[in-house]
Amino acid sequence: MFMKWARDYSRGDKVDAGKFGAAVIQWWLTIQPTTRKNWPPTYDALPDDFSFNYFNRGGPNGAFLMILCLGWWANALTPSTDFTDFNLVVGDVHWVLEQIASRAPSHS
């Protein structure tokens, strides 16, 4: 809700890595199409006509919010933290962005 009103992007320094990470994963899964709701994620071949419009379910700032959440989560991690879920989410976001880029029309 703070994103709507305050836009204080520095607030990520007060998050609990475990709880926040679980919430990020839950949100990430809710905006996925039904074919991508597996956790841990799977990387099956997508049909050529697959649409990533679902990524807009987070609103006009959906992608930005995900990157912001990853930054906050990363800042909350400590050397004793289990990085498994964080690395899986980063890898999945990276994969999605690569898929989007590979399907973008060429402007050359």
C-alpha atoms as a PDB file:
ATOM      1  CA  MET A   1       0.000   0.000   0.000  1.00  0.00           C
ATOM      2  CA  PHE A   2       2.879   2.371   0.710  1.00  0.00           C
ATOM      3  CA  MET A   3       3.808   2.199  -2.984  1.00  0.00           C
ATOM      4  CA  LYS A   4       0.558   3.944  -3.771  1.00  0.00           C
ATOM      5  CA  TRP A   5       1.026   6.819  -1.359  1.00  0.00           C
ATOM      6  CA  ALA A   6       4.469   7.254   0.122  1.00  0.00           C
ATOM      7  CA  ARG A   7       6.923   5.931  -2.470  1.00  0.00           C
ATOM      8  CA  ASP A   8       9.567   5.548   0.249  1.00  0.00           C
ATOM      9  CA  TYR A   9      11.770   2.988  -1.481  1.00  0.00           C
ATOM     10  CA  SER A  10      14.268   2.853   1.405  1.00  0.00           C
ATOM     11  CA  ARG A  11      11.861   0.970   3.679  1.00  0.00           C
ATOM     12  CA  GLY A  12      13.360  -2.385   2.794  1.00  0.00           C
ATOM     13  CA  ASP A  13      15.957  -2.178   5.540  1.00  0.00           C
ATOM     14  CA  LYS A  14      13.469  -3.331   8.155  1.00  0.00           C
ATOM     15  CA  VAL A  15      12.299  -6.631   6.678  1.00  0.00           C
ATOM     16  CA  ASP A  16      12.689 -10.139   8.087  1.00  0.00           C
ATOM     17  CA  ALA A  17      14.374 -12.097   5.283  1.00  0.00           C
ATOM     18  CA  GLY A  18      12.429 -15.330   5.887  1.00  0.00           C
ATOM     19  CA  LYS A  19       8.968 -13.801   6.173  1.00  0.00           C
ATOM     20  CA  PHE A  20       9.527 -11.274   3.424  1.00  0.00           C
ATOM     21  CA  GLY A  21      10.974 -13.908   1.094  1.00  0.00           C
ATOM     22  CA  ALA A  22       7.963 -16.163   1.634  1.00  0.00           C
ATOM     23  CA  ALA A  23       5.644 -13.230   0.849  1.00  0.00           C
ATOM     24  CA  VAL A  24       7.597 -12.375  -2.318  1.00  0.00           C
ATOM     25  CA  ILE A  25       7.365 -15.978  -3.516  1.00  0.00           C
ATOM     26  CA  GLN A  26       3.631 -16.062  -2.780  1.00  0.00           C
ATOM     27  CA  TRP A  27       3.043 -12.815  -4.699  1.00  0.00           C
ATOM     28  CA  TRP A  28       5.248 -13.944  -7.592  1.00  0.00           C
ATOM     29  CA  LEU A  29       3.258 -17.163  -7.884  1.00  0.00           C
ATOM     30  CA  THR A  30      -0.093 -15.349  -7.792  1.00  0.00           C
ATOM     31  CA  ILE A  31       0.805 -13.279 -10.856  1.00  0.00           C
ATOM     32  CA  GLN A  32       1.975 -16.315 -12.855  1.00  0.00           C
ATOM     33  CA  PRO A  33      -0.240 -17.971 -15.459  1.00  0.00           C
ATOM     34  CA  THR A  34      -1.603 -21.376 -14.454  1.00  0.00           C
ATOM     35  CA  THR A  35       1.141 -23.103 -16.451  1.00  0.00           C
ATOM     36  CA  ARG A  36       3.854 -21.444 -14.304  1.00  0.00           C
ATOM     37  CA  LYS A  37       2.577 -21.886 -10.740  1.00  0.00           C
ATOM     38  CA  ASN A  38       5.117 -24.555  -9.749  1.00  0.00           C
ATOM     39  CA  TRP A  39       7.533 -24.014  -6.900  1.00  0.00           C
ATOM     40  CA  PRO A  40      10.370 -24.450  -7.296  1.00  0.00           C
ATOM     41  CA  PRO A  41       9.944 -23.134 -10.836  1.00  0.00           C
ATOM     42  CA  THR A  42      10.205 -25.314 -13.909  1.00  0.00           C
ATOM     43  CA  TYR A  43      11.434 -24.199 -17.291  1.00  0.00           C
ATOM     44  CA  ASP A  44       9.397 -26.099 -19.810  1.00  0.00           C
ATOM     45  CA  ALA A  45       9.397 -24.907 -23.399  1.00  0.00           C
ATOM     46  CA  LEU A  46       6.734 -22.292 -23.996  1.00  0.00           C
ATOM     47  CA  PRO A  47       4.536 -22.195 -27.077  1.00  0.00           C
ATOM     48  CA  ASP A  48       5.467 -19.514 -29.598  1.00  0.00           C
ATOM     49  CA  ASP A  49       2.219 -17.642 -28.945  1.00  0.00           C
ATOM     50  CA  PHE A  50       2.697 -17.603 -25.156  1.00  0.00           C
ATOM     51  CA  SER A  51       1.954 -14.166 -23.731  1.00  0.00           C
ATOM     52  CA  PHE A  52       3.701 -12.581 -20.780  1.00  0.00           C
ATOM     53  CA  ASN A  53       0.849 -10.122 -20.255  1.00  0.00           C
ATOM     54  CA  TYR A  54       0.395 -11.726 -16.848  1.00  0.00           C
ATOM     55  CA  PHE A  55       3.490  -9.829 -15.758  1.00  0.00           C
ATOM     56  CA  ASN A  56       1.338  -6.703 -15.902  1.00  0.00           C
ATOM     57  CA  ARG A  57      -0.942  -8.071 -13.172  1.00  0.00           C
ATOM     58  CA  GLY A  58       1.193  -6.145 -10.713  1.00  0.00           C
ATOM     59  CA  GLY A  59      -0.064  -2.997 -12.389  1.00  0.00           C
ATOM     60  CA  PRO A  60       2.020  -0.531 -14.380  1.00  0.00           C
ATOM     61  CA  ASN A  61       4.824  -0.927 -11.835  1.00  0.00           C
ATOM     62  CA  GLY A  62       4.704  -4.740 -11.667  1.00  0.00           C
ATOM     63  CA  ALA A  63       8.215  -5.407 -12.952  1.00  0.00           C
ATOM     64  CA  PHE A  64       9.608  -2.516 -10.919  1.00  0.00           C
ATOM     65  CA  LEU A  65       7.952  -3.829  -7.753  1.00  0.00           C
ATOM     66  CA  MET A  66       9.480  -7.252  -8.279  1.00  0.00           C
ATOM     67  CA  ILE A  67      12.977  -5.818  -8.712  1.00  0.00           C
ATOM     68  CA  LEU A  68      12.440  -3.577  -5.676  1.00  0.00           C
ATOM     69  CA  CYS A  69      11.326  -6.571  -3.605  1.00  0.00           C
ATOM     70  CA  LEU A  70      14.381  -8.537  -4.684  1.00  0.00           C
ATOM     71  CA  GLY A  71      16.597  -5.655  -3.599  1.00  0.00           C
ATOM     72  CA  TRP A  72      14.944  -5.443  -0.195  1.00  0.00           C
ATOM     73  CA  TRP A  73      15.130  -9.189   0.243  1.00  0.00           C
ATOM     74  CA  ALA A  74      18.826  -9.183  -0.737  1.00  0.00           C
ATOM     75  CA  ASN A  75      19.554  -6.439   1.806  1.00  0.00           C
ATOM     76  CA  ALA A  76      17.866  -8.466   4.541  1.00  0.00           C
ATOM     77  CA  LEU A  77      19.939 -11.593   3.874  1.00  0.00           C
ATOM     78  CA  THR A  78      22.805 -12.391   6.214  1.00  0.00           C
ATOM     79  CA  PRO A  79      25.681 -14.869   5.833  1.00  0.00           C
ATOM     80  CA  SER A  80      23.732 -17.365   7.959  1.00  0.00           C
ATOM     81  CA  THR A  81      20.587 -17.070   5.798  1.00  0.00           C
ATOM     82  CA  ASP A  82      19.597 -19.900   3.474  1.00  0.00           C
ATOM     83  CA  PHE A  83      19.839 -18.309   0.015  1.00  0.00           C
ATOM     84  CA  THR A  84      18.068 -21.151  -1.822  1.00  0.00           C
ATOM     85  CA  ASP A  85      14.663 -19.488  -2.314  1.00  0.00           C
ATOM     86  CA  PHE A  86      16.214 -16.096  -3.035  1.00  0.00           C
ATOM     87  CA  ASN A  87      18.411 -17.593  -5.755  1.00  0.00           C
ATOM     88  CA  LEU A  88      15.440 -19.493  -7.206  1.00  0.00           C
ATOM     89  CA  VAL A  89      13.330 -16.318  -7.418  1.00  0.00           C
ATOM     90  CA  VAL A  90      16.166 -14.284  -8.945  1.00  0.00           C
ATOM     91  CA  GLY A  91      16.737 -17.056 -11.477  1.00  0.00           C
ATOM     92  CA  ASP A  92      13.043 -17.253 -12.308  1.00  0.00           C
ATOM     93  CA  VAL A  93      12.658 -13.488 -12.749  1.00  0.00           C
ATOM     94  CA  HIS A  94      15.765 -13.541 -14.950  1.00  0.00           C
ATOM     95  CA  TRP A  95      14.302 -16.371 -17.028  1.00  0.00           C
ATOM     96  CA  VAL A  96      10.982 -14.538 -17.456  1.00  0.00           C
ATOM     97  CA  LEU A  97      12.743 -11.335 -18.534  1.00  0.00           C
ATOM     98  CA  GLU A  98      14.858 -13.300 -21.021  1.00  0.00           C
ATOM     99  CA  GLN A  99      11.714 -14.891 -22.456  1.00  0.00           C
ATOM    100  CA  ILE A 100      10.065 -11.493 -22.805  1.00  0.00           C
ATOM    101  CA  ALA A 101      13.164 -10.022 -24.470  1.00  0.00           C
ATOM    102  CA  SER A 102      13.476 -12.940 -26.878  1.00  0.00           C
ATOM    103  CA  ARG A 103       9.894 -12.407 -28.040  1.00  0.00           C
ATOM    104  CA  ALA A 104      10.129  -8.627 -28.363  1.00  0.00           C
ATOM    105  CA  PRO A 105       9.832  -7.318 -31.902  1.00  0.00           C
ATOM    106  CA  SER A 106      13.086  -6.180 -33.434  1.00  0.00           C
ATOM    107  CA  HIS A 107      13.374  -2.460 -34.099  1.00  0.00           C
ATOM    108  CA  SER A 108      16.380  -2.587 -36.377  1.00  0.00           C
END
